[in-house]
Amino acid sequence: MGPLHWLTVIHLPKRAPYLNPNERKVNQKIKSDVCANRFYTSIEEQKDAISEYLDKRFGRWCNDICDDT
């Protein structure tokens, strides 16, 4: 198969808070309010704590996009 002329590959940086300042603000708040000075025994426990924090702060939006296990 030859090259795909309709396809353009754009390499994005792994992390680019300057492209999305809201991401930086939310991540900093989660780190300081949920994760700082805490030890979670599992990833699931940490995920639940973050989900609860987001639910309290922004409402129950996460159910539509999160995969509950």
Foldseek 3Di string as FASTA:
>chain_A
DDDDPVDDDDDDDPDDCVVPVVVVVLVVCCCVPQPPPDDDPDPVRSVVSSQVVCCVVPNNPCVVPDDDD
